[in-house]
Protein backbone atom coordinates (compact mmCIF):
# COMPACT_ATOMS: atom_id res chain seq x y z
CA MET A 1 0.00 0.00 0.00
CA SER A 2 1.43 3.39 -0.98
CA ASN A 3 1.34 6.42 1.29
CA GLU A 4 -1.10 9.24 0.54
CA ILE A 5 0.30 12.40 -1.07
CA VAL A 6 -1.18 15.78 -0.13
CA ARG A 7 -0.37 18.93 -2.15
CA PHE A 8 -1.26 22.47 -1.14
CA SER A 9 -0.19 26.12 -1.23
CA ALA A 10 0.27 28.22 1.90
CA ARG A 11 2.03 31.38 3.01
CA LEU A 12 5.15 31.18 5.19
CA ILE A 13 4.59 32.62 8.66
CA HIS A 14 7.34 33.30 11.19
CA TRP A 15 6.93 32.37 14.83
CA GLU A 16 7.90 35.22 17.14
CA LEU A 17 7.97 33.40 20.49
CA GLY A 18 11.12 33.04 22.62
CA ASP A 19 13.11 29.95 21.68
CA PHE A 20 11.10 29.55 18.47
CA ALA A 21 11.66 33.09 17.12
CA GLY A 22 12.34 32.95 13.40
CA LEU A 23 11.04 29.41 12.98
CA GLY A 24 8.82 29.31 9.94
CA TYR A 25 5.62 27.39 9.58
CA VAL A 26 2.59 27.08 7.33
CA GLU A 27 -1.02 26.52 8.26
CA ILE A 28 -2.78 23.58 6.61
CA ARG A 29 -6.49 24.09 5.98
CA GLY A 30 -9.33 22.80 3.82
CA GLU A 31 -9.03 19.52 1.90
CA PRO A 32 -5.39 18.88 2.90
CA GLU A 33 -6.40 19.39 6.56
CA GLU A 34 -9.18 16.82 6.20
CA ALA A 35 -6.86 14.29 4.51
CA ILE A 36 -4.35 14.58 7.37
CA LYS A 37 -7.11 14.32 9.98
CA ALA A 38 -8.46 11.13 8.34
CA HIS A 39 -4.93 9.68 8.13
CA GLU A 40 -4.30 10.41 11.82
CA LEU A 41 -7.61 8.78 12.81
CA MET A 42 -6.81 5.61 10.82
CA ARG A 43 -3.34 5.38 12.40
CA ARG A 44 -4.81 5.88 15.87
CA LEU A 45 -7.36 3.10 15.24
CA GLU A 46 -4.61 0.76 13.95
CA LEU A 47 -2.19 1.46 16.81
CA GLY A 48 -4.70 2.01 19.61
CA LYS A 49 -3.07 5.30 20.61
CA ARG A 50 -2.11 8.74 19.32
CA ARG A 51 1.41 9.86 18.49
CA GLY A 52 2.90 12.64 20.62
CA PHE A 53 0.77 15.79 20.49
CA GLY A 54 -1.49 14.07 17.93
CA SER A 55 1.19 14.60 15.27
CA VAL A 56 1.46 12.85 11.89
CA LYS A 57 4.83 11.89 10.37
CA VAL A 58 5.41 13.26 6.87
CA LYS A 59 8.02 13.53 4.14
CA VAL A 60 8.04 17.07 2.76
CA THR A 61 8.97 18.35 -0.68
CA LEU A 62 9.36 22.11 -1.03
CA GLY A 63 11.22 23.32 -4.10
CA ASP A 64 14.48 21.35 -4.26
CA SER A 65 14.37 20.51 -0.54
CA HIS A 66 13.15 17.21 0.92
CA TRP A 67 12.98 16.30 4.60
CA SER A 68 11.13 14.21 7.16
CA THR A 69 9.23 15.85 10.01
CA SER A 70 5.76 15.88 11.54
CA VAL A 71 2.69 18.06 11.16
CA PHE A 72 0.86 19.04 14.31
CA PRO A 73 -2.80 19.76 15.05
CA SER A 74 -3.53 23.35 16.01
CA LYS A 75 -6.20 24.46 18.45
CA ASP A 76 -6.91 27.47 16.24
CA VAL A 77 -6.45 26.37 12.63
CA GLY A 78 -6.25 22.82 11.24
CA TRP A 79 -2.63 21.65 11.22
CA PHE A 80 0.74 23.32 11.00
CA LEU A 81 4.00 22.33 9.36
CA PRO A 82 7.27 23.74 10.77
CA VAL A 83 9.83 24.96 8.21
CA LYS A 84 13.36 25.08 9.65
CA LYS A 85 15.61 28.08 9.15
CA ALA A 86 18.02 25.93 7.12
CA ILE A 87 15.23 25.07 4.64
CA GLN A 88 14.17 28.72 4.45
CA ARG A 89 17.77 29.73 3.63
CA ALA A 90 18.26 26.92 1.11
CA GLU A 91 15.06 27.86 -0.74
CA GLY A 92 15.51 31.65 -0.37
CA LEU A 93 12.21 32.00 1.49
CA GLU A 94 10.88 35.02 3.35
CA GLU A 95 7.84 35.52 5.54
CA GLY A 96 4.70 35.88 3.42
CA ASP A 97 6.03 33.87 0.46
CA LEU A 98 3.48 31.51 -1.09
CA LEU A 99 4.87 27.97 -0.87
CA GLU A 100 3.94 24.96 -3.00
CA ILE A 101 4.22 21.98 -0.68
CA GLU A 102 3.91 18.22 -1.12
CA LEU A 103 3.46 15.98 1.92
CA GLU A 104 3.72 12.22 1.91
CA LEU A 105 1.68 11.00 4.90
CA LEU A 106 3.55 8.22 6.71
């Protein structure tokens, strides 16, 4: 069985809190949000428990960059995907840029 691929566009936002200042992230809403939510529910039913913080493991493709991380549920808006400073530098990204993202749900 192959893993589900989710594609979406979102603007880069910078976190401005203490230790996380400068960390970038994107909010995941709409159909991609629903696909991740369904994936998380199926994993929870299979394993009998949630992963830490309700997160979902993903492989990310953004431009020429590829990395493994997790997406996390947000109390306010769907899910969020952190984008490390190193990725932002490698891709020449700035806050507010519209990103084309591909997630492979693991």
